[in-house]
Amino acid sequence: MAVTFLHETSASGARLRIAGVLDASVDPATTARLRDLALGPVTDVVIELGRITALDSVGVGLIADLADALRRKGGGLALAGNAQAVEQVLSVTGLGELFRTPR
């Protein structure tokens, strides 16, 4: 399954809804979209991962890299509506603590 995005941007930040498989099979276009978001003017991002069916270390790395880039700009990343596959990976790895909870 390919990764699909719904990207909404406002003055306060961006909201992404990502669906599909976020793993080692992720295509270069997905990586480029996340990189462009990290390098752009947006400082705060909420990513909805409720429709992610698989997540591995590559997917976690993409999310962590985006979070790191946003923090360097004085912003941050929050994950919302996480699918069970996402929660399981974040719980096992302890990485859930890196991401703020949206208000």
N, C-alpha and C. Protein backbone atom coordinates (compact mmCIF):
# COMPACT_ATOMS: atom_id res chain seq x y z
N MET A 1 0.85 -1.19 0.00
CA MET A 1 0.00 0.00 0.00
C MET A 1 0.88 1.24 0.00
N ALA A 2 0.60 2.18 -0.85
CA ALA A 2 1.35 3.43 -0.92
C ALA A 2 0.94 4.34 0.23
N VAL A 3 1.83 5.24 0.58
CA VAL A 3 1.53 6.24 1.59
C VAL A 3 0.72 7.34 0.94
N THR A 4 -0.35 7.77 1.60
CA THR A 4 -1.13 8.89 1.10
C THR A 4 -1.13 10.00 2.15
N PHE A 5 -1.15 11.24 1.67
CA PHE A 5 -1.10 12.40 2.55
C PHE A 5 -2.31 13.28 2.34
N LEU A 6 -2.79 13.90 3.39
CA LEU A 6 -3.68 15.04 3.31
C LEU A 6 -2.97 16.09 4.14
N HIS A 7 -2.61 17.19 3.53
CA HIS A 7 -1.77 18.20 4.15
C HIS A 7 -2.53 19.50 4.23
N GLU A 8 -2.75 20.00 5.43
CA GLU A 8 -3.41 21.29 5.64
C GLU A 8 -2.43 22.21 6.35
N THR A 9 -2.26 23.42 5.84
CA THR A 9 -1.34 24.37 6.46
C THR A 9 -2.12 25.62 6.86
N SER A 10 -1.78 26.14 8.04
CA SER A 10 -2.38 27.38 8.52
C SER A 10 -1.26 28.24 9.09
N ALA A 11 -1.62 29.41 9.59
CA ALA A 11 -0.62 30.30 10.17
C ALA A 11 0.06 29.67 11.38
N SER A 12 -0.67 28.80 12.09
CA SER A 12 -0.10 28.21 13.30
C SER A 12 0.68 26.93 13.05
N GLY A 13 0.60 26.38 11.87
CA GLY A 13 1.35 25.16 11.60
C GLY A 13 0.70 24.33 10.51
N ALA A 14 0.99 23.04 10.55
CA ALA A 14 0.48 22.12 9.53
C ALA A 14 -0.11 20.90 10.21
N ARG A 15 -1.06 20.30 9.54
CA ARG A 15 -1.65 19.05 10.00
C ARG A 15 -1.58 18.07 8.84
N LEU A 16 -0.97 16.91 9.10
CA LEU A 16 -0.85 15.87 8.08
C LEU A 16 -1.69 14.67 8.51
N ARG A 17 -2.39 14.12 7.56
CA ARG A 17 -3.04 12.83 7.77
C ARG A 17 -2.33 11.86 6.86
N ILE A 18 -1.67 10.88 7.45
CA ILE A 18 -0.89 9.93 6.67
C ILE A 18 -1.54 8.55 6.79
N ALA A 19 -1.69 7.89 5.66
CA ALA A 19 -2.29 6.56 5.63
C ALA A 19 -1.38 5.62 4.84
N GLY A 20 -1.40 4.36 5.20
CA GLY A 20 -0.64 3.35 4.47
C GLY A 20 0.48 2.77 5.30
N VAL A 21 1.52 2.35 4.62
CA VAL A 21 2.66 1.70 5.23
C VAL A 21 3.82 2.69 5.29
N LEU A 22 4.31 2.93 6.47
CA LEU A 22 5.44 3.84 6.65
C LEU A 22 6.62 3.00 7.14
N ASP A 23 7.31 2.39 6.17
CA ASP A 23 8.39 1.47 6.51
C ASP A 23 9.50 1.56 5.47
N ALA A 24 10.36 0.56 5.43
CA ALA A 24 11.51 0.58 4.52
C ALA A 24 11.11 0.67 3.05
N SER A 25 9.87 0.36 2.73
CA SER A 25 9.42 0.43 1.35
C SER A 25 8.94 1.83 0.95
N VAL A 26 9.04 2.79 1.87
CA VAL A 26 8.55 4.14 1.59
C VAL A 26 9.25 4.72 0.37
N ASP A 27 8.48 5.39 -0.47
CA ASP A 27 9.03 5.92 -1.71
C ASP A 27 9.76 7.24 -1.48
N PRO A 28 10.67 7.60 -2.37
CA PRO A 28 11.43 8.85 -2.24
C PRO A 28 10.54 10.09 -2.20
N ALA A 29 9.38 10.05 -2.85
CA ALA A 29 8.48 11.21 -2.84
C ALA A 29 7.97 11.49 -1.43
N THR A 30 7.70 10.44 -0.66
CA THR A 30 7.25 10.62 0.72
C THR A 30 8.35 11.24 1.56
N THR A 31 9.55 10.72 1.41
CA THR A 31 10.69 11.29 2.14
C THR A 31 10.88 12.75 1.77
N ALA A 32 10.76 13.07 0.49
CA ALA A 32 10.93 14.45 0.02
C ALA A 32 9.86 15.36 0.59
N ARG A 33 8.63 14.90 0.67
CA ARG A 33 7.54 15.73 1.21
C ARG A 33 7.79 16.07 2.67
N LEU A 34 8.23 15.09 3.45
CA LEU A 34 8.53 15.35 4.86
C LEU A 34 9.74 16.27 5.01
N ARG A 35 10.75 16.07 4.17
CA ARG A 35 11.92 16.94 4.21
C ARG A 35 11.55 18.38 3.86
N ASP A 36 10.73 18.55 2.81
CA ASP A 36 10.29 19.89 2.42
C ASP A 36 9.51 20.57 3.53
N LEU A 37 8.69 19.82 4.23
CA LEU A 37 7.94 20.37 5.35
C LEU A 37 8.90 20.81 6.45
N ALA A 38 9.91 19.99 6.73
CA ALA A 38 10.89 20.31 7.76
C ALA A 38 11.70 21.55 7.42
N LEU A 39 11.98 21.74 6.14
CA LEU A 39 12.81 22.87 5.72
C LEU A 39 12.00 24.13 5.46
N GLY A 40 10.68 24.03 5.39
CA GLY A 40 9.82 25.17 5.10
C GLY A 40 9.59 26.05 6.31
N PRO A 41 8.68 27.00 6.18
CA PRO A 41 8.44 27.99 7.25
C PRO A 41 7.64 27.46 8.44
N VAL A 42 6.96 26.34 8.28
CA VAL A 42 6.12 25.80 9.36
C VAL A 42 6.99 25.34 10.52
N THR A 43 6.54 25.68 11.76
CA THR A 43 7.32 25.26 12.93
C THR A 43 6.59 24.23 13.78
N ASP A 44 5.28 24.14 13.64
CA ASP A 44 4.50 23.19 14.44
C ASP A 44 3.68 22.29 13.51
N VAL A 45 3.77 20.99 13.75
CA VAL A 45 3.09 20.01 12.90
C VAL A 45 2.39 18.98 13.77
N VAL A 46 1.16 18.66 13.39
CA VAL A 46 0.44 17.53 13.98
C VAL A 46 0.31 16.49 12.88
N ILE A 47 0.71 15.26 13.18
CA ILE A 47 0.57 14.17 12.22
C ILE A 47 -0.45 13.18 12.77
N GLU A 48 -1.50 12.96 12.00
CA GLU A 48 -2.49 11.96 12.34
C GLU A 48 -2.08 10.64 11.70
N LEU A 49 -1.88 9.62 12.52
CA LEU A 49 -1.40 8.33 12.05
C LEU A 49 -2.42 7.22 12.26
N GLY A 50 -3.68 7.56 12.29
CA GLY A 50 -4.73 6.58 12.54
C GLY A 50 -4.94 5.58 11.42
N ARG A 51 -4.43 5.89 10.24
CA ARG A 51 -4.60 4.98 9.10
C ARG A 51 -3.29 4.33 8.66
N ILE A 52 -2.31 4.36 9.54
CA ILE A 52 -1.05 3.67 9.26
C ILE A 52 -1.25 2.18 9.55
N THR A 53 -0.90 1.35 8.59
CA THR A 53 -1.08 -0.10 8.78
C THR A 53 0.21 -0.80 9.19
N ALA A 54 1.36 -0.16 8.97
CA ALA A 54 2.64 -0.73 9.39
C ALA A 54 3.63 0.41 9.58
N LEU A 55 4.46 0.28 10.59
CA LEU A 55 5.48 1.28 10.90
C LEU A 55 6.72 0.54 11.36
N ASP A 56 7.87 0.86 10.78
CA ASP A 56 9.13 0.25 11.23
C ASP A 56 10.13 1.35 11.55
N SER A 57 11.38 0.96 11.72
CA SER A 57 12.41 1.93 12.12
C SER A 57 12.63 3.02 11.09
N VAL A 58 12.43 2.71 9.82
CA VAL A 58 12.57 3.74 8.78
C VAL A 58 11.48 4.79 8.95
N GLY A 59 10.24 4.35 9.15
CA GLY A 59 9.14 5.29 9.35
C GLY A 59 9.32 6.12 10.62
N VAL A 60 9.73 5.47 11.69
CA VAL A 60 10.00 6.19 12.94
C VAL A 60 11.11 7.20 12.72
N GLY A 61 12.14 6.81 11.96
CA GLY A 61 13.24 7.73 11.67
C GLY A 61 12.78 8.96 10.91
N LEU A 62 11.88 8.78 9.94
CA LEU A 62 11.35 9.91 9.19
C LEU A 62 10.61 10.88 10.11
N ILE A 63 9.78 10.31 11.00
CA ILE A 63 9.02 11.13 11.94
C ILE A 63 9.97 11.83 12.91
N ALA A 64 10.96 11.10 13.43
CA ALA A 64 11.91 11.68 14.38
C ALA A 64 12.75 12.78 13.73
N ASP A 65 13.14 12.59 12.48
CA ASP A 65 13.91 13.63 11.77
C ASP A 65 13.08 14.89 11.61
N LEU A 66 11.80 14.74 11.28
CA LEU A 66 10.92 15.90 11.15
C LEU A 66 10.78 16.60 12.50
N ALA A 67 10.58 15.84 13.57
CA ALA A 67 10.46 16.42 14.91
C ALA A 67 11.72 17.19 15.29
N ASP A 68 12.86 16.62 14.98
CA ASP A 68 14.14 17.25 15.29
C ASP A 68 14.29 18.58 14.53
N ALA A 69 13.95 18.58 13.25
CA ALA A 69 14.05 19.80 12.44
C ALA A 69 13.11 20.88 12.96
N LEU A 70 11.91 20.49 13.37
CA LEU A 70 10.95 21.46 13.90
C LEU A 70 11.42 22.03 15.24
N ARG A 71 11.99 21.19 16.09
CA ARG A 71 12.53 21.66 17.38
C ARG A 71 13.65 22.67 17.16
N ARG A 72 14.50 22.42 16.17
CA ARG A 72 15.60 23.36 15.89
C ARG A 72 15.07 24.72 15.45
N LYS A 73 13.85 24.76 14.92
CA LYS A 73 13.23 26.01 14.51
C LYS A 73 12.37 26.60 15.62
N GLY A 74 12.40 26.00 16.80
CA GLY A 74 11.62 26.49 17.93
C GLY A 74 10.21 25.95 18.00
N GLY A 75 9.88 24.97 17.20
CA GLY A 75 8.54 24.39 17.17
C GLY A 75 8.53 22.98 17.70
N GLY A 76 7.61 22.19 17.18
CA GLY A 76 7.52 20.82 17.63
C GLY A 76 6.56 20.00 16.79
N LEU A 77 6.54 18.72 17.12
CA LEU A 77 5.71 17.75 16.42
C LEU A 77 4.85 17.01 17.42
N ALA A 78 3.58 16.83 17.07
CA ALA A 78 2.68 16.03 17.89
C ALA A 78 2.08 14.94 17.01
N LEU A 79 1.88 13.77 17.60
CA LEU A 79 1.22 12.67 16.91
C LEU A 79 -0.18 12.54 17.48
N ALA A 80 -1.15 12.32 16.60
CA ALA A 80 -2.55 12.23 17.04
C ALA A 80 -3.22 11.03 16.39
N GLY A 81 -4.20 10.48 17.09
CA GLY A 81 -5.02 9.41 16.53
C GLY A 81 -4.23 8.22 16.05
N ASN A 82 -3.21 7.86 16.79
CA ASN A 82 -2.32 6.79 16.34
C ASN A 82 -3.02 5.44 16.21
N ALA A 83 -2.73 4.75 15.12
CA ALA A 83 -3.21 3.40 14.91
C ALA A 83 -2.50 2.46 15.88
N GLN A 84 -3.06 1.30 16.07
CA GLN A 84 -2.47 0.31 16.97
C GLN A 84 -1.04 -0.03 16.57
N ALA A 85 -0.77 -0.12 15.27
CA ALA A 85 0.58 -0.44 14.81
C ALA A 85 1.57 0.63 15.25
N VAL A 86 1.14 1.87 15.23
CA VAL A 86 1.99 2.99 15.65
C VAL A 86 2.21 2.95 17.15
N GLU A 87 1.13 2.82 17.90
CA GLU A 87 1.23 2.78 19.37
C GLU A 87 2.15 1.67 19.83
N GLN A 88 2.06 0.52 19.20
CA GLN A 88 2.89 -0.61 19.59
C GLN A 88 4.37 -0.30 19.38
N VAL A 89 4.72 0.25 18.23
CA VAL A 89 6.13 0.58 17.96
C VAL A 89 6.62 1.65 18.93
N LEU A 90 5.83 2.69 19.15
CA LEU A 90 6.25 3.76 20.04
C LEU A 90 6.38 3.28 21.48
N SER A 91 5.50 2.38 21.89
CA SER A 91 5.56 1.83 23.23
C SER A 91 6.79 0.95 23.44
N VAL A 92 7.02 0.05 22.51
CA VAL A 92 8.15 -0.88 22.62
C VAL A 92 9.48 -0.14 22.60
N THR A 93 9.58 0.89 21.78
CA THR A 93 10.84 1.62 21.64
C THR A 93 11.01 2.74 22.65
N GLY A 94 9.93 3.13 23.31
CA GLY A 94 9.99 4.25 24.24
C GLY A 94 10.03 5.60 23.54
N LEU A 95 9.80 5.62 22.24
CA LEU A 95 9.90 6.86 21.48
C LEU A 95 8.67 7.74 21.59
N GLY A 96 7.59 7.24 22.13
CA GLY A 96 6.39 8.05 22.29
C GLY A 96 6.63 9.29 23.11
N GLU A 97 7.60 9.24 24.00
CA GLU A 97 7.92 10.38 24.85
C GLU A 97 8.52 11.55 24.08
N LEU A 98 9.01 11.30 22.87
CA LEU A 98 9.62 12.38 22.08
C LEU A 98 8.61 13.33 21.49
N PHE A 99 7.36 12.92 21.38
CA PHE A 99 6.36 13.69 20.67
C PHE A 99 5.32 14.24 21.64
N ARG A 100 5.03 15.54 21.50
CA ARG A 100 4.03 16.17 22.36
C ARG A 100 2.64 15.66 21.98
N THR A 101 1.72 15.75 22.91
CA THR A 101 0.33 15.41 22.62
C THR A 101 -0.37 16.69 22.20
N PRO A 102 -1.12 16.66 21.11
CA PRO A 102 -1.80 17.89 20.67
C PRO A 102 -2.84 18.34 21.68
N ARG A 103 -3.03 19.64 21.73
CA ARG A 103 -4.01 20.23 22.66
C ARG A 103 -5.35 20.34 22.01
